[in-house]
C-alpha atoms as a PDB file:
ATOM      1  CA  MET A   1      21.552 -28.211-114.168  1.00  0.00           C
ATOM      2  CA  ARG A   2      18.723 -27.917-116.689  1.00  0.00           C
ATOM      3  CA  ARG A   3      19.468 -24.243-117.027  1.00  0.00           C
ATOM      4  CA  LEU A   4      23.061 -25.073-117.996  1.00  0.00           C
ATOM      5  CA  GLN A   5      21.871 -27.681-120.492  1.00  0.00           C
ATOM      6  CA  ALA A   6      19.514 -25.144-122.035  1.00  0.00           C
ATOM      7  CA  LEU A   7      22.271 -22.529-122.298  1.00  0.00           C
ATOM      8  CA  PHE A   8      24.874 -24.864-123.782  1.00  0.00           C
ATOM      9  CA  PRO A   9      23.660 -24.702-127.425  1.00  0.00           C
ATOM     10  CA  ALA A  10      23.488 -20.901-127.265  1.00  0.00           C
ATOM     11  CA  VAL A  11      27.018 -20.693-125.895  1.00  0.00           C
ATOM     12  CA  VAL A  12      28.327 -23.012-128.621  1.00  0.00           C
ATOM     13  CA  VAL A  13      26.673 -20.911-131.340  1.00  0.00           C
ATOM     14  CA  ALA A  14      28.006 -17.682-129.829  1.00  0.00           C
ATOM     15  CA  LEU A  15      31.544 -19.041-129.618  1.00  0.00           C
ATOM     16  CA  ALA A  16      31.373 -20.300-133.182  1.00  0.00           C
ATOM     17  CA  ALA A  17      30.315 -16.838-134.340  1.00  0.00           C
ATOM     18  CA  VAL A  18      33.182 -15.208-132.448  1.00  0.00           C
ATOM     19  CA  PHE A  19      35.797 -17.552-133.859  1.00  0.00           C
ATOM     20  CA  ALA A  20      34.373 -17.300-137.361  1.00  0.00           C
ATOM     21  CA  GLY A  21      34.926 -13.550-137.239  1.00  0.00           C
ATOM     22  CA  CYS A  22      38.517 -13.786-136.013  1.00  0.00           C
ATOM     23  CA  GLY A  23      40.132 -13.299-139.375  1.00  0.00           C
ATOM     24  CA  ALA A  24      40.434 -16.952-140.318  1.00  0.00           C
ATOM     25  CA  GLY A  25      38.145 -16.886-143.337  1.00  0.00           C
ATOM     26  CA  GLY A  26      37.844 -14.787-146.451  1.00  0.00           C
ATOM     27  CA  THR A  27      36.985 -11.125-146.336  1.00  0.00           C
ATOM     28  CA  GLU A  28      34.393  -9.310-148.394  1.00  0.00           C
ATOM     29  CA  SER A  29      35.437  -6.461-150.623  1.00  0.00           C
ATOM     30  CA  GLY A  30      34.914  -3.157-148.830  1.00  0.00           C
ATOM     31  CA  ALA A  31      35.154  -4.703-145.356  1.00  0.00           C
ATOM     32  CA  THR A  32      36.670  -2.639-142.564  1.00  0.00           C
ATOM     33  CA  VAL A  33      39.592  -3.857-140.483  1.00  0.00           C
ATOM     34  CA  SER A  34      40.812  -2.212-137.290  1.00  0.00           C
ATOM     35  CA  VAL A  35      44.219  -1.274-135.954  1.00  0.00           C
ATOM     36  CA  TYR A  36      44.336  -0.434-132.250  1.00  0.00           C
ATOM     37  CA  ALA A  37      46.903   2.249-131.398  1.00  0.00           C
ATOM     38  CA  ALA A  38      48.265   3.327-128.022  1.00  0.00           C
ATOM     39  CA  ALA A  39      47.665   7.022-127.305  1.00  0.00           C
ATOM     40  CA  PRO A  40      51.193   8.248-128.165  1.00  0.00           C
ATOM     41  CA  LEU A  41      50.969   6.603-131.612  1.00  0.00           C
ATOM     42  CA  CYS A  42      47.411   7.538-132.459  1.00  0.00           C
ATOM     43  CA  LYS A  43      47.857  10.764-134.427  1.00  0.00           C
ATOM     44  CA  GLU A  44      50.504   9.296-136.751  1.00  0.00           C
ATOM     45  CA  ALA A  45      48.617   6.030-137.115  1.00  0.00           C
ATOM     46  CA  ARG A  46      45.371   7.791-138.029  1.00  0.00           C
ATOM     47  CA  ALA A  47      47.158   9.604-140.842  1.00  0.00           C
ATOM     48  CA  GLY A  48      47.953   6.192-142.348  1.00  0.00           C
ATOM     49  CA  ALA A  49      44.386   4.870-142.216  1.00  0.00           C
ATOM     50  CA  GLY A  50      42.268   4.511-145.326  1.00  0.00           C
ATOM     51  CA  ALA A  51      42.079   2.057-148.188  1.00  0.00           C
ATOM     52  CA  ALA A  52      44.326  -0.985-148.476  1.00  0.00           C
ATOM     53  CA  GLY A  53      43.429  -3.015-151.515  1.00  0.00           C
ATOM     54  CA  ASP A  54      39.726  -3.867-151.206  1.00  0.00           C
ATOM     55  CA  LEU A  55      39.701  -3.136-147.473  1.00  0.00           C
ATOM     56  CA  GLU A  56      39.123  -0.031-145.393  1.00  0.00           C
ATOM     57  CA  VAL A  57      41.565   0.409-142.503  1.00  0.00           C
ATOM     58  CA  ARG A  58      40.413   2.290-139.424  1.00  0.00           C
ATOM     59  CA  VAL A  59      42.480   3.218-136.401  1.00  0.00           C
ATOM     60  CA  VAL A  60      41.015   2.883-132.929  1.00  0.00           C
ATOM     61  CA  CYS A  61      42.804   5.289-130.618  1.00  0.00           C
ATOM     62  CA  LEU A  62      43.259   4.024-127.093  1.00  0.00           C
ATOM     63  CA  PRO A  63      43.143   6.390-124.095  1.00  0.00           C
ATOM     64  CA  PRO A  64      46.272   7.511-122.225  1.00  0.00           C
ATOM     65  CA  ARG A  65      47.156   5.046-119.462  1.00  0.00           C
ATOM     66  CA  GLY A  66      48.717   7.059-116.660  1.00  0.00           C
ATOM     67  CA  SER A  67      51.585   5.498-114.706  1.00  0.00           C
ATOM     68  CA  GLY A  68      52.437   2.686-112.309  1.00  0.00           C
ATOM     69  CA  ASP A  69      49.880  -0.037-111.655  1.00  0.00           C
ATOM     70  CA  ALA A  70      47.201   1.972-113.453  1.00  0.00           C
ATOM     71  CA  ALA A  71      49.312   1.864-116.610  1.00  0.00           C
ATOM     72  CA  LEU A  72      49.641  -1.927-116.400  1.00  0.00           C
ATOM     73  CA  ALA A  73      45.918  -2.327-115.829  1.00  0.00           C
ATOM     74  CA  GLY A  74      45.247   0.010-118.749  1.00  0.00           C
ATOM     75  CA  ALA A  75      47.590  -1.954-121.015  1.00  0.00           C
ATOM     76  CA  GLY A  76      45.757  -5.166-120.171  1.00  0.00           C
ATOM     77  CA  ALA A  77      42.344  -3.587-120.727  1.00  0.00           C
ATOM     78  CA  ASP A  78      43.463  -2.129-124.068  1.00  0.00           C
ATOM     79  CA  ALA A  79      44.823  -5.487-125.206  1.00  0.00           C
ATOM     80  CA  ARG A  80      41.619  -7.300-124.243  1.00  0.00           C
ATOM     81  CA  ARG A  81      39.533  -4.682-126.059  1.00  0.00           C
ATOM     82  CA  ALA A  82      41.522  -5.249-129.251  1.00  0.00           C
ATOM     83  CA  THR A  83      41.251  -9.036-129.016  1.00  0.00           C
ATOM     84  CA  GLN A  84      37.487  -8.891-128.545  1.00  0.00           C
ATOM     85  CA  ASP A  85      37.069  -7.030-131.838  1.00  0.00           C
ATOM     86  CA  SER A  86      36.741  -9.502-134.713  1.00  0.00           C
ATOM     87  CA  THR A  87      37.891  -6.802-137.170  1.00  0.00           C
ATOM     88  CA  SER A  88      41.180  -6.236-135.323  1.00  0.00           C
ATOM     89  CA  VAL A  89      44.316  -6.984-137.351  1.00  0.00           C
ATOM     90  CA  ALA A  90      47.011  -5.202-135.328  1.00  0.00           C
ATOM     91  CA  PHE A  91      47.802  -3.614-131.989  1.00  0.00           C
ATOM     92  CA  LEU A  92      50.333  -0.771-131.995  1.00  0.00           C
ATOM     93  CA  GLU A  93      52.102  -0.410-128.672  1.00  0.00           C
ATOM     94  CA  ALA A  94      54.363   2.477-127.747  1.00  0.00           C
ATOM     95  CA  THR A  95      57.852   1.647-126.571  1.00  0.00           C
ATOM     96  CA  GLY A  96      57.972   1.710-122.793  1.00  0.00           C
ATOM     97  CA  PRO A  97      57.534  -0.246-119.569  1.00  0.00           C
ATOM     98  CA  THR A  98      53.960  -1.420-120.267  1.00  0.00           C
ATOM     99  CA  ALA A  99      54.701  -2.625-123.794  1.00  0.00           C
ATOM    100  CA  LYS A 100      55.489  -6.242-122.945  1.00  0.00           C
ATOM    101  CA  PHE A 101      52.438  -6.497-120.699  1.00  0.00           C
ATOM    102  CA  SER A 102      49.987  -6.317-123.617  1.00  0.00           C
ATOM    103  CA  ARG A 103      51.966  -8.595-125.921  1.00  0.00           C
ATOM    104  CA  SER A 104      50.916 -12.021-124.628  1.00  0.00           C
ATOM    105  CA  ILE A 105      47.243 -11.048-124.530  1.00  0.00           C
ATOM    106  CA  VAL A 106      47.225  -9.750-128.099  1.00  0.00           C
ATOM    107  CA  GLU A 107      49.335 -12.517-129.604  1.00  0.00           C
ATOM    108  CA  ALA A 108      47.194 -15.219-127.948  1.00  0.00           C
ATOM    109  CA  ALA A 109      44.338 -14.003-130.159  1.00  0.00           C
ATOM    110  CA  ASP A 110      46.516 -14.112-133.316  1.00  0.00           C
ATOM    111  CA  VAL A 111      46.472 -10.335-133.639  1.00  0.00           C
ATOM    112  CA  ALA A 112      49.742  -8.748-134.746  1.00  0.00           C
ATOM    113  CA  TRP A 113      51.457  -6.946-131.869  1.00  0.00           C
ATOM    114  CA  VAL A 114      53.813  -4.164-132.934  1.00  0.00           C
ATOM    115  CA  GLU A 115      56.035  -2.260-130.512  1.00  0.00           C
ATOM    116  CA  THR A 116      57.044   0.960-132.220  1.00  0.00           C
ATOM    117  CA  SER A 117      57.932   4.587-131.716  1.00  0.00           C
ATOM    118  CA  SER A 118      56.381   5.534-135.074  1.00  0.00           C
ATOM    119  CA  GLY A 119      52.696   5.022-135.783  1.00  0.00           C
ATOM    120  CA  ALA A 120      53.255   6.137-139.390  1.00  0.00           C
ATOM    121  CA  THR A 121      55.917   3.513-140.111  1.00  0.00           C
ATOM    122  CA  ALA A 122      53.853   0.759-138.508  1.00  0.00           C
ATOM    123  CA  MET A 123      50.778   1.735-140.539  1.00  0.00           C
ATOM    124  CA  GLN A 124      52.779   1.683-143.780  1.00  0.00           C
ATOM    125  CA  ARG A 125      53.808  -1.900-143.039  1.00  0.00           C
ATOM    126  CA  ILE A 126      50.248  -2.891-142.116  1.00  0.00           C
ATOM    127  CA  VAL A 127      48.713  -1.332-145.229  1.00  0.00           C
ATOM    128  CA  LYS A 128      51.340  -3.052-147.394  1.00  0.00           C
ATOM    129  CA  ALA A 129      50.476  -6.411-145.830  1.00  0.00           C
ATOM    130  CA  LEU A 130      46.759  -5.835-146.406  1.00  0.00           C
ATOM    131  CA  GLU A 131      47.276  -4.962-150.059  1.00  0.00           C
ATOM    132  CA  GLY A 132      48.628  -8.462-150.659  1.00  0.00           C
ATOM    133  CA  ASP A 133      46.667 -11.637-149.999  1.00  0.00           C
ATOM    134  CA  GLY A 134      43.144 -10.619-148.981  1.00  0.00           C
ATOM    135  CA  SER A 135      41.891 -14.034-147.899  1.00  0.00           C
ATOM    136  CA  SER A 136      42.761 -13.455-144.230  1.00  0.00           C
ATOM    137  CA  PRO A 137      43.704  -9.887-143.283  1.00  0.00           C
ATOM    138  CA  ARG A 138      44.640 -10.852-139.734  1.00  0.00           C
ATOM    139  CA  LYS A 139      47.026 -13.565-140.961  1.00  0.00           C
ATOM    140  CA  ALA A 140      48.479 -11.320-143.673  1.00  0.00           C
ATOM    141  CA  VAL A 141      49.318  -8.603-141.149  1.00  0.00           C
ATOM    142  CA  SER A 142      50.600 -11.079-138.576  1.00  0.00           C
ATOM    143  CA  ASP A 143      52.873 -12.743-141.148  1.00  0.00           C
ATOM    144  CA  GLU A 144      54.213  -9.402-142.371  1.00  0.00           C
ATOM    145  CA  VAL A 145      54.594  -7.332-139.209  1.00  0.00           C
ATOM    146  CA  GLY A 146      53.677  -9.464-136.211  1.00  0.00           C
END
């Protein structure tokens, strides 16, 4: 019990740090935000990365998922990876049977979830959203494309 009491303050501080980095506050000029892209969308999405206003946009390419149950497990793992990244502003999901599986995980973390067949088109919309109000990149993208 004492061990739990000793750990409690550390857990509270850690959780506060995580939630503080979740896109709710202002963003410094030159900060980097991340867009997670499913493997089929990666090449096009990467071409759209770069500057958006005062921000730098990077694309994190996710590995191919396979098929069947492995694809569902991969979709869940990819979604969790994106939600654990405090710089994440969007998750690009390829159209297909696993698309809906990642949606609830990503949206629960207030990250924009975009089902698309074109990584380039999705990135254009994301960059446009980021060039607007810079106070909360995650909210700007979610409001515009999510």
